[in-house]
Every structure is written in C-alpha cells, then in structure tokens.
C-alpha cells in the first residue's frame, strides 16, 4: 500500500509541476505575441488586450483543473481503495 501512495505522490507532483510549467510557457508566449502585435498596430491594442486576458483566464483554468485533480488523488485516492479490495479477498 505504501507503494501505491508513493506513486500517487509522485504523480501529483508531476501533475502540478508540469501543469504550472506549461501554463508559464503559454503565458510567456502569449504576452510576447501580444506585445509584438500591439507594437505593430497600436490602434488594435485594446481589442487584443481583451482577447489576451480571456486566453490568460482559460490558461489559468487549465492549471486550476490540474490542481483539483491532484487534490482528488491526494485526499480521495481511488487506487488505495482498489488495492485494499484486491488484497482483502
């Protein structure tokens, strides 16, 4: 059972870490492209800014979903219950 809990902890760490890394890279690319486009056409900057913030919110939602799944596996791990059911019978 300790092995299942240990592998779950590693999976949770990878889920949160790689999710945060991906969101960070995505936001960096998005911000860079926004600055390039706003410098190229300054009259479109307000419209581009609104769209950029919408996409940033969606990117942040991806990270929060990953944290929610990680918390589910941390506190209500279905693999531990399955492990106990298999070893009890």
Protein backbone atom coordinates (compact mmCIF):
# COMPACT_ATOMS: atom_id res chain seq x y z
CA UNK A 1 0.00 0.00 0.00
CA UNK A 2 2.92 2.35 0.63
CA UNK A 3 3.97 1.85 -2.97
CA UNK A 4 0.58 3.00 -4.24
CA UNK A 5 0.68 6.07 -2.02
CA UNK A 6 4.26 6.84 -3.06
CA UNK A 7 3.49 6.57 -6.77
CA UNK A 8 0.42 8.72 -6.26
CA UNK A 9 2.54 11.40 -4.57
CA UNK A 10 4.97 11.36 -7.49
CA UNK A 11 2.08 11.59 -9.97
CA UNK A 12 0.54 14.51 -8.07
CA UNK A 13 3.87 16.35 -8.03
CA UNK A 14 4.33 15.81 -11.76
CA UNK A 15 0.75 16.87 -12.48
CA UNK A 16 1.07 20.15 -10.62
CA UNK A 17 4.65 20.87 -11.70
CA UNK A 18 4.24 20.16 -15.40
CA UNK A 19 0.88 21.93 -15.44
CA UNK A 20 2.46 25.05 -13.95
CA UNK A 21 5.38 24.81 -16.36
CA UNK A 22 3.07 24.56 -19.36
CA UNK A 23 0.93 27.47 -18.21
CA UNK A 24 4.02 29.58 -17.56
CA UNK A 25 5.41 28.91 -21.03
CA UNK A 26 2.00 29.56 -22.58
CA UNK A 27 1.57 32.87 -20.79
CA UNK A 28 5.08 33.94 -21.75
CA UNK A 29 4.45 33.20 -25.41
CA UNK A 30 1.05 34.88 -25.27
CA UNK A 31 2.43 38.02 -23.64
CA UNK A 32 5.28 38.23 -26.14
CA UNK A 33 2.96 37.89 -29.11
CA UNK A 34 0.59 40.47 -27.61
CA UNK A 35 3.43 42.99 -27.24
CA UNK A 36 4.58 42.33 -30.81
CA UNK A 37 1.10 42.82 -32.22
CA UNK A 38 0.38 45.90 -30.09
CA UNK A 39 3.66 47.47 -31.22
CA UNK A 40 2.88 46.66 -34.85
CA UNK A 41 -0.71 48.00 -34.77
CA UNK A 42 -1.26 50.23 -31.70
CA UNK A 43 -4.86 51.03 -32.65
CA UNK A 44 -5.83 47.37 -32.12
CA UNK A 45 -4.19 47.12 -28.68
CA UNK A 46 -7.42 47.44 -26.60
CA UNK A 47 -9.18 44.70 -28.58
CA UNK A 48 -6.11 42.47 -28.43
CA UNK A 49 -5.77 43.09 -24.70
CA UNK A 50 -9.31 41.88 -24.04
CA UNK A 51 -8.71 38.72 -26.06
CA UNK A 52 -5.37 38.18 -24.33
CA UNK A 53 -6.99 38.35 -20.88
CA UNK A 54 -9.66 35.85 -21.95
CA UNK A 55 -6.98 33.41 -23.07
CA UNK A 56 -4.97 34.01 -19.88
CA UNK A 57 -8.07 33.13 -17.87
CA UNK A 58 -8.51 29.92 -19.85
CA UNK A 59 -4.84 29.05 -19.37
CA UNK A 60 -5.13 29.64 -15.65
CA UNK A 61 -8.23 27.44 -15.56
CA UNK A 62 -6.16 24.58 -17.00
CA UNK A 63 -3.73 24.87 -14.10
CA UNK A 64 -6.56 25.01 -11.55
CA UNK A 65 -8.17 21.89 -13.04
CA UNK A 66 -4.83 20.14 -12.67
CA UNK A 67 -4.63 21.20 -9.03
CA UNK A 68 -8.18 19.95 -8.46
CA UNK A 69 -7.37 16.55 -9.94
CA UNK A 70 -4.17 16.40 -7.89
CA UNK A 71 -6.09 17.16 -4.69
CA UNK A 72 -8.60 14.45 -5.58
CA UNK A 73 -5.82 11.89 -5.92
CA UNK A 74 -4.18 13.13 -2.72
CA UNK A 75 -7.20 13.00 -0.42
CA UNK A 76 -9.66 10.57 -2.07
CA UNK A 77 -7.32 8.17 -3.82
CA UNK A 78 -9.36 5.51 -5.66
CA UNK A 79 -6.25 3.37 -6.16
CA UNK A 80 -5.83 2.78 -2.42
CA UNK A 81 -9.42 1.54 -2.12
CA UNK A 82 -8.88 -0.77 -5.09
CA UNK A 83 -5.63 -2.05 -3.56
CA UNK A 84 -7.39 -2.80 -0.27
CA UNK A 85 -10.27 -4.56 -2.05
CA UNK A 86 -7.91 -6.77 -4.04
CA UNK A 87 -5.79 -7.73 -1.03
CA UNK A 88 -8.78 -8.32 1.29
CA UNK A 89 -10.32 -11.02 -0.88
